[in-house]
C-alpha atoms as a PDB file:
ATOM      1  CA  MET A   1      92.167 -75.979 -66.011  1.00  0.00           C
ATOM      2  CA  ASN A   2      91.337 -79.271 -67.760  1.00  0.00           C
ATOM      3  CA  LYS A   3      93.302 -82.445 -67.051  1.00  0.00           C
ATOM      4  CA  VAL A   4      93.924 -84.496 -70.176  1.00  0.00           C
ATOM      5  CA  ASN A   5      94.954 -88.131 -70.596  1.00  0.00           C
ATOM      6  CA  PHE A   6      96.775 -89.239 -73.740  1.00  0.00           C
ATOM      7  CA  TYR A   7      96.526 -92.774 -75.105  1.00  0.00           C
ATOM      8  CA  ILE A   8      99.208 -93.532 -77.682  1.00  0.00           C
ATOM      9  CA  ASP A   9      99.086 -96.594 -79.927  1.00  0.00           C
ATOM     10  CA  GLY A  10     102.756 -97.541 -79.738  1.00  0.00           C
ATOM     11  CA  PHE A  11     102.326-100.653 -81.895  1.00  0.00           C
ATOM     12  CA  ASN A  12     101.095 -98.695 -84.928  1.00  0.00           C
ATOM     13  CA  ILE A  13     103.621 -95.899 -84.408  1.00  0.00           C
ATOM     14  CA  TYR A  14     106.470 -98.417 -84.288  1.00  0.00           C
ATOM     15  CA  HIS A  15     105.398-100.096 -87.517  1.00  0.00           C
ATOM     16  CA  ALA A  16     104.786 -96.764 -89.278  1.00  0.00           C
ATOM     17  CA  ILE A  17     108.296 -95.599 -88.352  1.00  0.00           C
ATOM     18  CA  ARG A  18     109.722 -98.921 -89.507  1.00  0.00           C
ATOM     19  CA  LYS A  19     107.843 -98.651 -92.810  1.00  0.00           C
ATOM     20  CA  ILE A  20     109.220 -95.183 -93.620  1.00  0.00           C
ATOM     21  CA  LYS A  21     112.695 -96.283 -92.469  1.00  0.00           C
ATOM     22  CA  ASN A  22     113.423 -93.254 -90.318  1.00  0.00           C
ATOM     23  CA  ASN A  23     115.020 -94.720 -87.168  1.00  0.00           C
ATOM     24  CA  ARG A  24     115.500 -91.234 -85.700  1.00  0.00           C
ATOM     25  CA  LEU A  25     111.750 -91.145 -85.039  1.00  0.00           C
ATOM     26  CA  LYS A  26     111.990 -94.131 -82.683  1.00  0.00           C
ATOM     27  CA  TRP A  27     113.171 -91.689 -80.018  1.00  0.00           C
ATOM     28  CA  ILE A  28     110.110 -89.415 -80.053  1.00  0.00           C
ATOM     29  CA  ASN A  29     109.601 -87.519 -76.804  1.00  0.00           C
ATOM     30  CA  TYR A  30     105.909 -88.260 -76.316  1.00  0.00           C
ATOM     31  CA  LYS A  31     105.550 -85.831 -73.422  1.00  0.00           C
ATOM     32  CA  LEU A  32     106.735 -82.923 -75.581  1.00  0.00           C
ATOM     33  CA  LEU A  33     104.502 -84.081 -78.427  1.00  0.00           C
ATOM     34  CA  CYS A  34     101.477 -84.152 -76.113  1.00  0.00           C
ATOM     35  CA  GLU A  35     102.324 -80.712 -74.721  1.00  0.00           C
ATOM     36  CA  GLU A  36     102.308 -79.318 -78.277  1.00  0.00           C
ATOM     37  CA  ILE A  37      98.784 -80.655 -78.812  1.00  0.00           C
ATOM     38  CA  LEU A  38      97.347 -79.194 -75.603  1.00  0.00           C
ATOM     39  CA  ASN A  39      95.365 -75.994 -75.405  1.00  0.00           C
ATOM     40  CA  THR A  40      96.776 -73.303 -73.144  1.00  0.00           C
ATOM     41  CA  ASP A  41      94.229 -74.043 -70.395  1.00  0.00           C
ATOM     42  CA  ASP A  42      94.899 -77.820 -70.370  1.00  0.00           C
ATOM     43  CA  GLU A  43      97.273 -79.879 -68.250  1.00  0.00           C
ATOM     44  CA  ILE A  44      98.616 -83.388 -68.856  1.00  0.00           C
ATOM     45  CA  ASN A  45      97.252 -85.822 -66.310  1.00  0.00           C
ATOM     46  CA  GLU A  46      98.631 -89.122 -67.671  1.00  0.00           C
ATOM     47  CA  ILE A  47     100.277 -90.426 -70.833  1.00  0.00           C
ATOM     48  CA  TYR A  48      99.667 -94.079 -71.673  1.00  0.00           C
ATOM     49  CA  ILE A  49     101.667 -95.806 -74.404  1.00  0.00           C
ATOM     50  CA  LEU A  50      99.899 -99.030 -75.312  1.00  0.00           C
ATOM     51  CA  THR A  51     101.198-101.931 -77.388  1.00  0.00           C
ATOM     52  CA  ASN A  52      99.750-105.241 -78.466  1.00  0.00           C
ATOM     53  CA  LEU A  53     101.258-108.342 -80.024  1.00  0.00           C
ATOM     54  CA  ILE A  54      99.007-110.346 -82.297  1.00  0.00           C
END
């Protein structure tokens, strides 16, 4: 079994959701999203949601 880390760019996701004006998407369950991406023999190790202010 492979352990997989996910790195999510929260800053770009936030601004993309804001641009399309769909506030419902602000409540994305990132764990479920990552589980959908995994192969059957993979396991989530860590999920990192990163943001940056410029």
